[in-house]
């Protein structure tokens, strides 16, 4: 926290270390809305998976945020797309993700809307804020296979395993 206060925001945020990731995501959208003077209700995230090690990220993005610390069950990320997991592979590390705030974002129906959860339990209580205690949001991931394939596999991203 001291480093953040003295040197500015981190280049990449460890989303798994946040107690309530939804508030962080709202703050990213709110910062973007204020920067460009647009309504926050018209913003949502586009996802760009960054296939490079954490050490290679030298600057925070101009817009949005880089996050890391996700794990995938039921699939893995290989060469820019979602692939089936290796045999006997329960979880795989997911690369860095660039969360890009986009106004009136239209989802590609060919992409898999992969749920992101805090834990592999995949269930949570509903808070008074309307948020789940476990579900965070969907991530739009590219794949050569139809979204139904990943739904049947139960593919999901998790902050903790």
N, C-alpha and C. Protein backbone atom coordinates (compact mmCIF):
# COMPACT_ATOMS: atom_id res chain seq x y z
N UNK A 1 0.82 -1.19 0.00
CA UNK A 1 0.00 0.00 0.00
C UNK A 1 0.87 1.26 0.00
N UNK A 2 1.96 1.21 0.77
CA UNK A 2 2.84 2.38 0.84
C UNK A 2 3.45 2.66 -0.53
N UNK A 3 3.89 1.59 -1.23
CA UNK A 3 4.47 1.74 -2.56
C UNK A 3 3.45 2.35 -3.52
N UNK A 4 2.20 1.91 -3.41
CA UNK A 4 1.14 2.43 -4.26
C UNK A 4 0.93 3.92 -4.01
N UNK A 5 0.92 4.32 -2.75
CA UNK A 5 0.73 5.73 -2.40
C UNK A 5 1.89 6.60 -2.86
N UNK A 6 3.11 6.08 -2.76
CA UNK A 6 4.29 6.87 -3.12
C UNK A 6 4.58 6.87 -4.62
N UNK A 7 4.38 5.74 -5.28
CA UNK A 7 4.79 5.59 -6.68
C UNK A 7 3.65 5.48 -7.68
N UNK A 8 2.41 5.56 -7.23
CA UNK A 8 1.28 5.43 -8.14
C UNK A 8 0.80 4.00 -8.24
N UNK A 9 -0.21 3.80 -9.06
CA UNK A 9 -0.85 2.48 -9.16
C UNK A 9 0.13 1.43 -9.68
N UNK A 10 -0.07 0.18 -9.30
CA UNK A 10 0.78 -0.90 -9.82
C UNK A 10 0.59 -1.07 -11.33
N UNK A 11 1.60 -1.63 -11.98
CA UNK A 11 1.49 -1.90 -13.42
C UNK A 11 0.47 -3.00 -13.67
N UNK A 12 0.48 -4.03 -12.80
CA UNK A 12 -0.43 -5.16 -12.91
C UNK A 12 -1.02 -5.42 -11.53
N UNK A 13 -2.34 -5.56 -11.46
CA UNK A 13 -3.01 -5.80 -10.19
C UNK A 13 -3.20 -7.30 -9.96
N UNK A 14 -2.91 -7.74 -8.77
CA UNK A 14 -3.11 -9.13 -8.37
C UNK A 14 -4.55 -9.25 -7.89
N UNK A 15 -5.45 -9.63 -8.78
CA UNK A 15 -6.88 -9.65 -8.47
C UNK A 15 -7.22 -10.66 -7.38
N UNK A 16 -6.43 -11.71 -7.27
CA UNK A 16 -6.68 -12.73 -6.25
C UNK A 16 -6.45 -12.21 -4.84
N UNK A 17 -5.70 -11.13 -4.71
CA UNK A 17 -5.41 -10.57 -3.39
C UNK A 17 -6.46 -9.59 -2.90
N UNK A 18 -7.46 -9.30 -3.73
CA UNK A 18 -8.50 -8.35 -3.34
C UNK A 18 -9.62 -9.05 -2.60
N UNK A 19 -10.08 -8.45 -1.51
CA UNK A 19 -11.16 -9.03 -0.73
C UNK A 19 -12.48 -9.01 -1.50
N UNK A 20 -12.74 -7.91 -2.20
CA UNK A 20 -13.99 -7.76 -2.96
C UNK A 20 -13.65 -7.23 -4.36
N UNK A 21 -13.28 -8.12 -5.29
CA UNK A 21 -12.83 -7.68 -6.61
C UNK A 21 -13.83 -6.82 -7.38
N UNK A 22 -15.13 -7.01 -7.12
CA UNK A 22 -16.14 -6.23 -7.83
C UNK A 22 -15.96 -4.73 -7.61
N UNK A 23 -15.54 -4.34 -6.40
CA UNK A 23 -15.34 -2.91 -6.13
C UNK A 23 -14.15 -2.37 -6.93
N UNK A 24 -13.11 -3.17 -7.08
CA UNK A 24 -11.97 -2.78 -7.91
C UNK A 24 -12.42 -2.58 -9.36
N UNK A 25 -13.21 -3.52 -9.88
CA UNK A 25 -13.68 -3.43 -11.26
C UNK A 25 -14.55 -2.20 -11.48
N UNK A 26 -15.39 -1.89 -10.50
CA UNK A 26 -16.22 -0.69 -10.59
C UNK A 26 -15.34 0.56 -10.59
N UNK A 27 -14.29 0.56 -9.78
CA UNK A 27 -13.38 1.71 -9.72
C UNK A 27 -12.67 1.91 -11.07
N UNK A 28 -12.29 0.83 -11.73
CA UNK A 28 -11.65 0.93 -13.05
C UNK A 28 -12.63 1.57 -14.05
N UNK A 29 -13.87 1.11 -14.04
CA UNK A 29 -14.87 1.69 -14.94
C UNK A 29 -15.14 3.16 -14.60
N UNK A 30 -15.22 3.45 -13.30
CA UNK A 30 -15.50 4.83 -12.87
C UNK A 30 -14.36 5.77 -13.27
N UNK A 31 -13.12 5.33 -13.12
CA UNK A 31 -11.98 6.16 -13.53
C UNK A 31 -12.02 6.46 -15.02
N UNK A 32 -12.35 5.45 -15.80
CA UNK A 32 -12.45 5.63 -17.25
C UNK A 32 -13.60 6.59 -17.59
N UNK A 33 -14.74 6.42 -16.94
CA UNK A 33 -15.89 7.29 -17.20
C UNK A 33 -15.56 8.75 -16.88
N UNK A 34 -14.86 8.97 -15.79
CA UNK A 34 -14.49 10.35 -15.42
C UNK A 34 -13.45 10.92 -16.38
N UNK A 35 -12.50 10.10 -16.77
CA UNK A 35 -11.43 10.54 -17.67
C UNK A 35 -11.99 11.01 -19.01
N UNK A 36 -12.99 10.29 -19.54
CA UNK A 36 -13.56 10.60 -20.85
C UNK A 36 -14.94 11.23 -20.79
N UNK A 37 -15.39 11.59 -19.58
CA UNK A 37 -16.68 12.26 -19.39
C UNK A 37 -17.82 11.50 -20.07
N UNK A 38 -17.99 10.24 -19.68
CA UNK A 38 -19.07 9.41 -20.24
C UNK A 38 -19.80 8.71 -19.10
N UNK A 39 -21.04 8.31 -19.31
CA UNK A 39 -21.78 7.64 -18.24
C UNK A 39 -21.21 6.24 -17.95
N UNK A 40 -21.02 5.95 -16.68
CA UNK A 40 -20.46 4.66 -16.29
C UNK A 40 -21.39 3.51 -16.66
N UNK A 41 -22.70 3.77 -16.69
CA UNK A 41 -23.66 2.72 -17.03
C UNK A 41 -23.51 2.21 -18.46
N UNK A 42 -22.85 2.99 -19.32
CA UNK A 42 -22.67 2.56 -20.71
C UNK A 42 -21.38 1.78 -20.92
N UNK A 43 -20.60 1.59 -19.85
CA UNK A 43 -19.30 0.92 -19.96
C UNK A 43 -19.36 -0.53 -19.51
N UNK A 44 -18.58 -1.35 -20.17
CA UNK A 44 -18.33 -2.73 -19.73
C UNK A 44 -16.93 -3.08 -20.21
N UNK A 45 -16.47 -4.27 -19.85
CA UNK A 45 -15.10 -4.63 -20.16
C UNK A 45 -14.97 -5.48 -21.41
N UNK A 46 -13.98 -5.15 -22.21
CA UNK A 46 -13.47 -6.04 -23.25
C UNK A 46 -12.22 -6.68 -22.64
N UNK A 47 -11.90 -7.90 -23.05
CA UNK A 47 -10.79 -8.65 -22.47
C UNK A 47 -9.73 -8.91 -23.52
N UNK A 48 -8.50 -8.56 -23.18
CA UNK A 48 -7.37 -8.88 -24.04
C UNK A 48 -6.38 -9.68 -23.20
N UNK A 49 -6.15 -10.91 -23.59
CA UNK A 49 -5.21 -11.76 -22.86
C UNK A 49 -3.81 -11.45 -23.36
N UNK A 50 -2.92 -11.15 -22.41
CA UNK A 50 -1.54 -10.77 -22.72
C UNK A 50 -0.65 -11.99 -22.52
N UNK A 51 -0.15 -12.55 -23.60
CA UNK A 51 0.69 -13.76 -23.52
C UNK A 51 2.16 -13.41 -23.32
N UNK A 52 2.46 -12.76 -22.21
CA UNK A 52 3.85 -12.51 -21.85
C UNK A 52 4.00 -12.51 -20.34
N UNK A 53 5.21 -12.79 -19.87
CA UNK A 53 5.41 -12.85 -18.42
C UNK A 53 5.19 -11.51 -17.73
N UNK A 54 4.87 -11.58 -16.47
CA UNK A 54 4.61 -10.41 -15.65
C UNK A 54 5.76 -9.41 -15.70
N UNK A 55 6.99 -9.91 -15.73
CA UNK A 55 8.17 -9.05 -15.71
C UNK A 55 8.29 -8.18 -16.96
N UNK A 56 7.63 -8.58 -18.05
CA UNK A 56 7.73 -7.83 -19.30
C UNK A 56 6.78 -6.64 -19.36
N UNK A 57 5.87 -6.56 -18.42
CA UNK A 57 4.94 -5.42 -18.36
C UNK A 57 5.67 -4.29 -17.62
N UNK A 58 5.99 -3.23 -18.33
CA UNK A 58 6.79 -2.15 -17.73
C UNK A 58 5.96 -0.92 -17.36
N UNK A 59 4.78 -0.78 -17.95
CA UNK A 59 3.92 0.38 -17.68
C UNK A 59 2.48 -0.08 -17.52
N UNK A 60 1.69 0.62 -16.70
CA UNK A 60 0.26 0.30 -16.68
C UNK A 60 -0.37 0.71 -18.01
N UNK A 61 -1.52 0.13 -18.36
CA UNK A 61 -2.14 0.50 -19.64
C UNK A 61 -2.66 1.94 -19.60
N UNK A 62 -2.80 2.52 -20.77
CA UNK A 62 -3.35 3.88 -20.87
C UNK A 62 -4.79 3.91 -20.33
N UNK A 63 -5.58 2.89 -20.67
CA UNK A 63 -6.96 2.78 -20.19
C UNK A 63 -7.16 1.38 -19.62
N UNK A 64 -7.99 1.28 -18.59
CA UNK A 64 -8.28 -0.01 -17.99
C UNK A 64 -7.21 -0.43 -17.02
N UNK A 65 -7.05 -1.75 -16.87
CA UNK A 65 -6.09 -2.29 -15.92
C UNK A 65 -5.63 -3.66 -16.37
N UNK A 66 -4.39 -3.99 -16.03
CA UNK A 66 -3.88 -5.34 -16.20
C UNK A 66 -4.14 -6.09 -14.90
N UNK A 67 -4.60 -7.33 -15.00
CA UNK A 67 -4.78 -8.16 -13.80
C UNK A 67 -4.08 -9.50 -14.01
N UNK A 68 -3.68 -10.10 -12.90
CA UNK A 68 -3.10 -11.45 -12.94
C UNK A 68 -3.53 -12.19 -11.69
N UNK A 69 -3.24 -13.49 -11.67
CA UNK A 69 -3.58 -14.30 -10.51
C UNK A 69 -4.78 -15.20 -10.73
N UNK A 70 -5.20 -15.37 -11.98
CA UNK A 70 -6.34 -16.24 -12.27
C UNK A 70 -5.88 -17.65 -12.63
N UNK A 71 -6.74 -18.62 -12.35
CA UNK A 71 -6.50 -20.02 -12.70
C UNK A 71 -7.71 -20.53 -13.47
N UNK A 72 -7.48 -21.45 -14.39
CA UNK A 72 -8.57 -21.97 -15.21
C UNK A 72 -8.79 -23.45 -14.95
N UNK A 73 -10.07 -23.82 -14.87
CA UNK A 73 -10.48 -25.22 -14.78
C UNK A 73 -11.28 -25.54 -16.04
N UNK A 74 -11.05 -26.73 -16.60
CA UNK A 74 -11.81 -27.15 -17.78
C UNK A 74 -11.26 -26.63 -19.09
N UNK A 75 -10.10 -25.99 -19.05
CA UNK A 75 -9.47 -25.47 -20.25
C UNK A 75 -8.13 -24.85 -19.91
N UNK A 76 -7.45 -24.35 -20.93
CA UNK A 76 -6.19 -23.65 -20.73
C UNK A 76 -6.00 -22.68 -21.89
N UNK A 77 -5.18 -21.67 -21.69
CA UNK A 77 -4.94 -20.66 -22.71
C UNK A 77 -3.63 -21.00 -23.43
N UNK A 78 -3.72 -21.19 -24.76
CA UNK A 78 -2.56 -21.54 -25.57
C UNK A 78 -2.57 -20.71 -26.85
N UNK A 79 -1.50 -19.99 -27.09
CA UNK A 79 -1.32 -19.24 -28.35
C UNK A 79 -2.53 -18.40 -28.73
N UNK A 80 -3.04 -17.64 -27.78
CA UNK A 80 -4.10 -16.70 -28.07
C UNK A 80 -5.51 -17.23 -28.13
N UNK A 81 -5.71 -18.48 -27.66
CA UNK A 81 -7.08 -19.00 -27.66
C UNK A 81 -7.24 -20.08 -26.59
N UNK A 82 -8.50 -20.36 -26.30
CA UNK A 82 -8.86 -21.36 -25.31
C UNK A 82 -8.71 -22.76 -25.91
N UNK A 83 -8.06 -23.65 -25.19
CA UNK A 83 -7.84 -25.03 -25.63
C UNK A 83 -8.27 -25.98 -24.52
N UNK A 84 -8.45 -27.26 -24.87
CA UNK A 84 -8.76 -28.28 -23.87
C UNK A 84 -7.58 -28.43 -22.92
N UNK A 85 -7.84 -28.81 -21.66
CA UNK A 85 -6.74 -28.98 -20.71
C UNK A 85 -5.91 -30.22 -21.05
N UNK A 86 -4.71 -30.25 -20.51
CA UNK A 86 -3.87 -31.43 -20.65
C UNK A 86 -4.47 -32.57 -19.81
N UNK A 87 -4.17 -33.82 -20.13
CA UNK A 87 -4.68 -34.93 -19.32
C UNK A 87 -4.26 -34.77 -17.85
N UNK A 88 -5.18 -35.03 -16.95
CA UNK A 88 -4.98 -34.95 -15.50
C UNK A 88 -4.62 -33.55 -15.01
N UNK A 89 -4.89 -32.54 -15.79
CA UNK A 89 -4.63 -31.16 -15.38
C UNK A 89 -5.92 -30.57 -14.82
N UNK A 90 -5.95 -30.36 -13.51
CA UNK A 90 -7.14 -29.79 -12.87
C UNK A 90 -7.25 -28.29 -13.15
N UNK A 91 -6.16 -27.57 -12.89
CA UNK A 91 -6.14 -26.12 -13.04
C UNK A 91 -4.89 -25.72 -13.80
N UNK A 92 -5.00 -24.66 -14.58
CA UNK A 92 -3.83 -24.10 -15.25
C UNK A 92 -3.78 -22.60 -14.95
N UNK A 93 -2.57 -22.08 -14.87
CA UNK A 93 -2.42 -20.64 -14.66
C UNK A 93 -2.92 -19.91 -15.90
N UNK A 94 -3.63 -18.82 -15.67
CA UNK A 94 -4.12 -18.02 -16.78
C UNK A 94 -3.21 -16.80 -16.92
N UNK A 95 -2.92 -16.39 -18.17
CA UNK A 95 -2.02 -15.24 -18.37
C UNK A 95 -2.63 -13.92 -17.86
N UNK A 96 -1.84 -12.89 -17.98
CA UNK A 96 -2.28 -11.54 -17.63
C UNK A 96 -3.44 -11.14 -18.54
N UNK A 97 -4.41 -10.44 -17.97
CA UNK A 97 -5.57 -9.97 -18.74
C UNK A 97 -5.61 -8.45 -18.69
N UNK A 98 -5.81 -7.83 -19.85
CA UNK A 98 -6.03 -6.39 -19.92
C UNK A 98 -7.54 -6.16 -19.93
N UNK A 99 -8.05 -5.56 -18.88
CA UNK A 99 -9.46 -5.18 -18.80
C UNK A 99 -9.60 -3.82 -19.46
N UNK A 100 -10.31 -3.76 -20.56
CA UNK A 100 -10.42 -2.53 -21.34
C UNK A 100 -11.86 -2.01 -21.25
N UNK A 101 -12.07 -0.86 -20.61
CA UNK A 101 -13.42 -0.29 -20.58
C UNK A 101 -13.86 0.14 -21.98
N UNK A 102 -15.03 -0.31 -22.40
CA UNK A 102 -15.54 0.00 -23.73
C UNK A 102 -16.99 0.47 -23.58
N UNK A 103 -17.31 1.55 -24.28
CA UNK A 103 -18.69 2.06 -24.23
C UNK A 103 -19.55 1.25 -25.20
N UNK A 104 -20.72 0.84 -24.71
CA UNK A 104 -21.69 0.08 -25.50
C UNK A 104 -21.04 -1.13 -26.19
N UNK A 105 -20.27 -1.87 -25.42
CA UNK A 105 -19.53 -3.03 -25.94
C UNK A 105 -20.50 -4.13 -26.39
N UNK A 106 -20.29 -4.63 -27.60
CA UNK A 106 -21.08 -5.72 -28.15
C UNK A 106 -20.24 -6.99 -28.10
N UNK A 107 -20.75 -8.03 -27.44
CA UNK A 107 -20.02 -9.28 -27.31
C UNK A 107 -20.06 -10.08 -28.60
N UNK A 108 -18.97 -10.78 -28.88
CA UNK A 108 -18.92 -11.68 -30.03
C UNK A 108 -19.61 -12.98 -29.64
N UNK A 109 -20.66 -13.40 -30.34
CA UNK A 109 -21.38 -14.63 -29.97
C UNK A 109 -20.53 -15.89 -30.11
N UNK A 110 -19.42 -15.83 -30.85
CA UNK A 110 -18.53 -16.97 -31.02
C UNK A 110 -17.57 -17.13 -29.83
N UNK A 111 -17.40 -16.08 -29.03
CA UNK A 111 -16.52 -16.14 -27.86
C UNK A 111 -17.24 -16.83 -26.71
N UNK A 112 -16.45 -17.50 -25.88
CA UNK A 112 -17.00 -18.15 -24.68
C UNK A 112 -17.04 -17.12 -23.55
N UNK A 113 -18.22 -16.92 -22.98
CA UNK A 113 -18.37 -16.02 -21.84
C UNK A 113 -18.03 -16.81 -20.57
N UNK A 114 -16.76 -16.83 -20.25
CA UNK A 114 -16.23 -17.65 -19.17
C UNK A 114 -16.48 -16.98 -17.81
N UNK A 115 -17.16 -17.65 -16.90
CA UNK A 115 -17.39 -17.05 -15.59
C UNK A 115 -16.11 -16.98 -14.78
N UNK A 116 -15.96 -15.89 -14.05
CA UNK A 116 -14.83 -15.74 -13.11
C UNK A 116 -15.41 -15.80 -11.70
N UNK A 117 -14.86 -16.70 -10.89
CA UNK A 117 -15.29 -16.87 -9.50
C UNK A 117 -14.12 -16.61 -8.57
N UNK A 118 -14.42 -16.30 -7.33
CA UNK A 118 -13.37 -16.16 -6.32
C UNK A 118 -12.81 -17.52 -5.94
N UNK A 119 -13.67 -18.52 -5.79
CA UNK A 119 -13.24 -19.87 -5.38
C UNK A 119 -13.88 -20.91 -6.29
N UNK A 120 -13.33 -22.13 -6.32
CA UNK A 120 -13.91 -23.19 -7.15
C UNK A 120 -15.28 -23.68 -6.68
N UNK A 121 -15.76 -23.18 -5.57
CA UNK A 121 -17.07 -23.60 -5.06
C UNK A 121 -18.20 -23.27 -6.03
N UNK A 122 -18.05 -22.19 -6.79
CA UNK A 122 -19.01 -21.74 -7.81
C UNK A 122 -20.38 -21.36 -7.25
N UNK A 123 -20.50 -21.23 -5.98
CA UNK A 123 -21.76 -20.81 -5.37
C UNK A 123 -21.44 -19.76 -4.32
N UNK A 124 -22.38 -18.90 -4.07
CA UNK A 124 -22.18 -17.88 -3.07
C UNK A 124 -23.50 -17.28 -2.66
N UNK A 125 -23.49 -16.58 -1.56
CA UNK A 125 -24.69 -15.90 -1.09
C UNK A 125 -24.84 -14.57 -1.82
N UNK A 126 -26.05 -14.10 -1.93
CA UNK A 126 -26.31 -12.81 -2.56
C UNK A 126 -26.22 -11.73 -1.48
N UNK A 127 -25.37 -10.74 -1.72
CA UNK A 127 -25.20 -9.64 -0.77
C UNK A 127 -26.33 -8.62 -0.94
N UNK A 128 -26.44 -7.72 0.01
CA UNK A 128 -27.45 -6.67 -0.09
C UNK A 128 -27.17 -5.73 -1.26
N UNK A 129 -25.92 -5.71 -1.74
CA UNK A 129 -25.57 -4.87 -2.89
C UNK A 129 -26.05 -5.49 -4.21
N UNK A 130 -26.52 -6.75 -4.15
CA UNK A 130 -26.95 -7.44 -5.36
C UNK A 130 -25.85 -8.27 -5.98
N UNK A 131 -24.65 -8.22 -5.40
CA UNK A 131 -23.53 -9.01 -5.90
C UNK A 131 -23.46 -10.36 -5.19
N UNK A 132 -22.94 -11.35 -5.89
CA UNK A 132 -22.69 -12.65 -5.28
C UNK A 132 -21.40 -12.58 -4.48
N UNK A 133 -21.30 -13.38 -3.45
CA UNK A 133 -20.06 -13.43 -2.68
C UNK A 133 -18.98 -14.21 -3.41
N UNK A 134 -19.32 -14.92 -4.48
CA UNK A 134 -18.33 -15.72 -5.18
C UNK A 134 -18.18 -15.36 -6.67
N UNK A 135 -19.26 -15.15 -7.37
CA UNK A 135 -19.20 -14.82 -8.80
C UNK A 135 -18.71 -13.38 -8.98
N UNK A 136 -17.77 -13.20 -9.91
CA UNK A 136 -17.22 -11.86 -10.13
C UNK A 136 -17.79 -11.25 -11.41
N UNK A 137 -17.55 -11.90 -12.56
CA UNK A 137 -18.05 -11.41 -13.85
C UNK A 137 -17.67 -12.42 -14.93
N UNK A 138 -18.21 -12.27 -16.14
CA UNK A 138 -17.78 -13.15 -17.24
C UNK A 138 -16.58 -12.54 -17.98
N UNK A 139 -15.75 -13.40 -18.54
CA UNK A 139 -14.64 -12.97 -19.39
C UNK A 139 -14.88 -13.52 -20.79
N UNK A 140 -14.84 -12.67 -21.77
CA UNK A 140 -15.07 -13.07 -23.16
C UNK A 140 -13.76 -13.62 -23.73
N UNK A 141 -13.72 -14.95 -23.97
CA UNK A 141 -12.49 -15.61 -24.42
C UNK A 141 -12.65 -16.20 -25.81
N UNK A 142 -11.62 -16.02 -26.63
CA UNK A 142 -11.63 -16.55 -28.00
C UNK A 142 -11.31 -18.04 -27.99
N UNK A 143 -11.94 -18.75 -28.92
CA UNK A 143 -11.73 -20.18 -29.05
C UNK A 143 -12.09 -20.63 -30.45
N UNK A 144 -11.50 -21.74 -30.88
CA UNK A 144 -11.89 -22.33 -32.16
C UNK A 144 -13.10 -23.24 -32.00
N UNK A 145 -13.54 -23.44 -30.76
CA UNK A 145 -14.69 -24.30 -30.49
C UNK A 145 -15.88 -23.44 -30.07
N UNK A 146 -17.06 -23.98 -30.27
CA UNK A 146 -18.29 -23.27 -29.91
C UNK A 146 -18.38 -23.09 -28.39
N UNK A 147 -19.06 -22.04 -27.94
CA UNK A 147 -19.22 -21.83 -26.49
C UNK A 147 -19.85 -23.03 -25.77
N UNK A 148 -20.73 -23.77 -26.46
CA UNK A 148 -21.36 -24.94 -25.83
C UNK A 148 -20.34 -25.97 -25.36
N UNK A 149 -19.24 -26.11 -26.09
CA UNK A 149 -18.18 -27.04 -25.72
C UNK A 149 -17.64 -26.69 -24.33
N UNK A 150 -17.40 -25.41 -24.10
CA UNK A 150 -16.80 -24.96 -22.83
C UNK A 150 -17.82 -25.00 -21.71
N UNK A 151 -19.08 -24.76 -22.03
CA UNK A 151 -20.14 -24.85 -21.03
C UNK A 151 -20.24 -26.29 -20.52
N UNK A 152 -20.22 -27.25 -21.45
CA UNK A 152 -20.29 -28.67 -21.05
C UNK A 152 -19.06 -29.11 -20.27
N UNK A 153 -17.91 -28.52 -20.53
CA UNK A 153 -16.69 -28.84 -19.80
C UNK A 153 -16.68 -28.18 -18.41
N UNK A 154 -17.54 -27.19 -18.23
CA UNK A 154 -17.55 -26.46 -16.97
C UNK A 154 -16.36 -25.52 -16.85
N UNK A 155 -15.86 -25.02 -17.98
CA UNK A 155 -14.69 -24.15 -17.98
C UNK A 155 -15.01 -22.85 -17.22
N UNK A 156 -14.11 -22.50 -16.31
CA UNK A 156 -14.27 -21.28 -15.51
C UNK A 156 -12.92 -20.79 -15.05
N UNK A 157 -12.87 -19.51 -14.71
CA UNK A 157 -11.67 -18.91 -14.13
C UNK A 157 -11.90 -18.69 -12.64
N UNK A 158 -10.82 -18.83 -11.86
CA UNK A 158 -10.90 -18.68 -10.41
C UNK A 158 -9.75 -17.81 -9.90
N UNK A 159 -10.02 -17.07 -8.83
CA UNK A 159 -8.97 -16.29 -8.18
C UNK A 159 -8.16 -17.15 -7.22
N UNK A 160 -8.78 -18.18 -6.64
CA UNK A 160 -8.09 -19.07 -5.70
C UNK A 160 -8.42 -20.51 -6.05
N UNK A 161 -7.44 -21.37 -5.86
CA UNK A 161 -7.69 -22.80 -6.05
C UNK A 161 -7.20 -23.58 -4.85
